[in-house]
Amino acid sequence: MLKRIYLYGERPSYRKYILLQLNNDISKKLSDGYAIFVHAKLKGSESVINIDSTLKSVKIGDSWYTYADASDTGIKLSDIESISIGLRQLEPEKIISQYDVKL
């Protein structure tokens, strides 16, 4: 499912995004009561920031893309040490898949 993660900062608006490149369209799952969870662990800290997303994916070329908006978290993208990302069922809450990526 997950092919690649990109950290993207935009100026002059200072918006921050975690872009997700996927193998397939996740939109159907998101419409059926699932969410993408993104948990960012910060360098030198045990803190984990939740940046979950229910945004539908869009196809560009051979891949699908969606994102989690980290703009309102107050973190710097360069301060992220690792990311746990996956799919969770909302009701009842249950983790379906999880990937851990060290940056």
Protein backbone atom coordinates (compact mmCIF):
# COMPACT_ATOMS: atom_id res chain seq x y z
CA MET A 1 0.00 0.00 0.00
CA LEU A 2 2.55 2.66 1.10
CA LYS A 3 5.30 3.31 -1.45
CA ARG A 4 6.97 6.46 -0.15
CA ILE A 5 6.67 9.31 2.36
CA TYR A 6 7.64 12.90 1.53
CA LEU A 7 7.98 15.80 3.96
CA TYR A 8 7.00 19.03 2.22
CA GLY A 9 7.10 22.60 3.48
CA GLU A 10 5.51 25.40 1.48
CA ARG A 11 6.47 29.08 1.54
CA PRO A 12 5.32 31.84 1.98
CA SER A 13 2.30 30.24 3.67
CA TYR A 14 4.47 28.00 5.89
CA ARG A 15 2.10 25.08 5.38
CA LYS A 16 3.64 21.68 6.24
CA TYR A 17 2.53 18.38 4.73
CA ILE A 18 3.37 14.73 4.99
CA LEU A 19 2.73 13.42 1.48
CA LEU A 20 1.96 9.73 1.05
CA GLN A 21 2.59 7.89 -2.21
CA LEU A 22 0.41 4.77 -2.41
CA ASN A 23 0.14 1.72 -4.66
CA ASN A 24 -3.64 1.99 -4.92
CA ASP A 25 -6.64 4.22 -4.28
CA ILE A 26 -7.43 4.48 -0.57
CA SER A 27 -10.55 6.63 -1.06
CA LYS A 28 -13.03 3.72 -0.86
CA LYS A 29 -11.63 2.61 2.50
CA LEU A 30 -11.79 6.17 3.85
CA SER A 31 -15.45 6.41 2.77
CA ASP A 32 -16.18 3.12 4.56
CA GLY A 33 -15.20 4.30 8.06
CA TYR A 34 -11.42 4.07 8.02
CA ALA A 35 -8.76 6.73 8.57
CA ILE A 36 -5.07 7.04 7.86
CA PHE A 37 -3.12 7.58 11.06
CA VAL A 38 0.19 9.42 11.04
CA HIS A 39 2.13 9.56 14.30
CA ALA A 40 5.31 11.63 14.20
CA LYS A 41 7.96 11.03 16.89
CA LEU A 42 10.17 14.04 17.49
CA LYS A 43 13.98 13.93 17.81
CA GLY A 44 15.24 13.83 21.39
CA SER A 45 11.75 13.38 22.79
CA GLU A 46 9.25 10.68 23.61
CA SER A 47 6.48 12.97 22.31
CA VAL A 48 4.31 11.68 19.50
CA ILE A 49 2.23 14.09 17.42
CA ASN A 50 -0.99 12.77 15.83
CA ILE A 51 -1.54 14.01 12.27
CA ASP A 52 -4.38 11.75 11.10
CA SER A 53 -6.07 12.14 7.73
CA THR A 54 -9.28 11.13 5.97
CA LEU A 55 -8.46 12.94 2.71
CA LYS A 56 -9.20 11.02 -0.47
CA SER A 57 -6.34 10.09 -2.76
CA VAL A 58 -5.64 11.39 -6.24
CA LYS A 59 -3.91 9.52 -9.08
CA ILE A 60 -0.84 11.06 -10.70
CA GLY A 61 0.97 8.86 -13.21
CA ASP A 62 1.06 5.29 -11.90
CA SER A 63 0.68 6.18 -8.21
CA TRP A 64 -1.96 7.48 -5.83
CA TYR A 65 -1.26 10.34 -3.41
CA THR A 66 -2.83 11.78 -0.29
CA TYR A 67 -1.47 13.86 2.56
CA ALA A 68 -1.67 14.71 6.24
CA ASP A 69 -1.57 18.42 7.06
CA ALA A 70 1.00 19.10 9.81
CA SER A 71 0.64 22.89 9.62
CA ASP A 72 -1.26 23.35 12.87
CA THR A 73 0.89 21.02 14.96
CA GLY A 74 3.61 23.56 15.75
CA ILE A 75 6.38 21.15 14.78
CA LYS A 76 9.22 21.61 12.31
CA LEU A 77 9.37 18.85 9.72
CA SER A 78 13.13 18.64 10.31
CA ASP A 79 12.44 17.72 13.97
CA ILE A 80 10.66 14.47 13.02
CA GLU A 81 12.75 11.41 13.89
CA SER A 82 10.32 8.70 12.78
CA ILE A 83 6.77 8.24 11.54
CA SER A 84 4.28 5.46 12.24
CA ILE A 85 1.63 5.36 9.56
CA GLY A 86 -1.22 3.02 8.84
CA LEU A 87 -4.89 2.40 8.41
CA ARG A 88 -7.33 2.21 11.29
CA GLN A 89 -10.96 1.30 11.47
CA LEU A 90 -12.95 4.01 13.28
CA GLU A 91 -15.84 1.94 14.75
CA PRO A 92 -14.91 -0.15 16.61
CA GLU A 93 -11.43 1.35 16.69
CA LYS A 94 -8.87 -1.13 15.41
CA ILE A 95 -5.50 -0.85 13.64
CA ILE A 96 -5.63 -2.63 10.28
CA SER A 97 -2.05 -2.01 9.10
CA GLN A 98 0.99 -0.11 10.32
CA TYR A 99 4.37 0.93 8.90
CA ASP A 100 7.19 2.47 10.94
CA VAL A 101 9.67 4.65 9.08
CA LYS A 102 12.84 6.15 10.60
CA LEU A 103 13.85 9.39 8.89
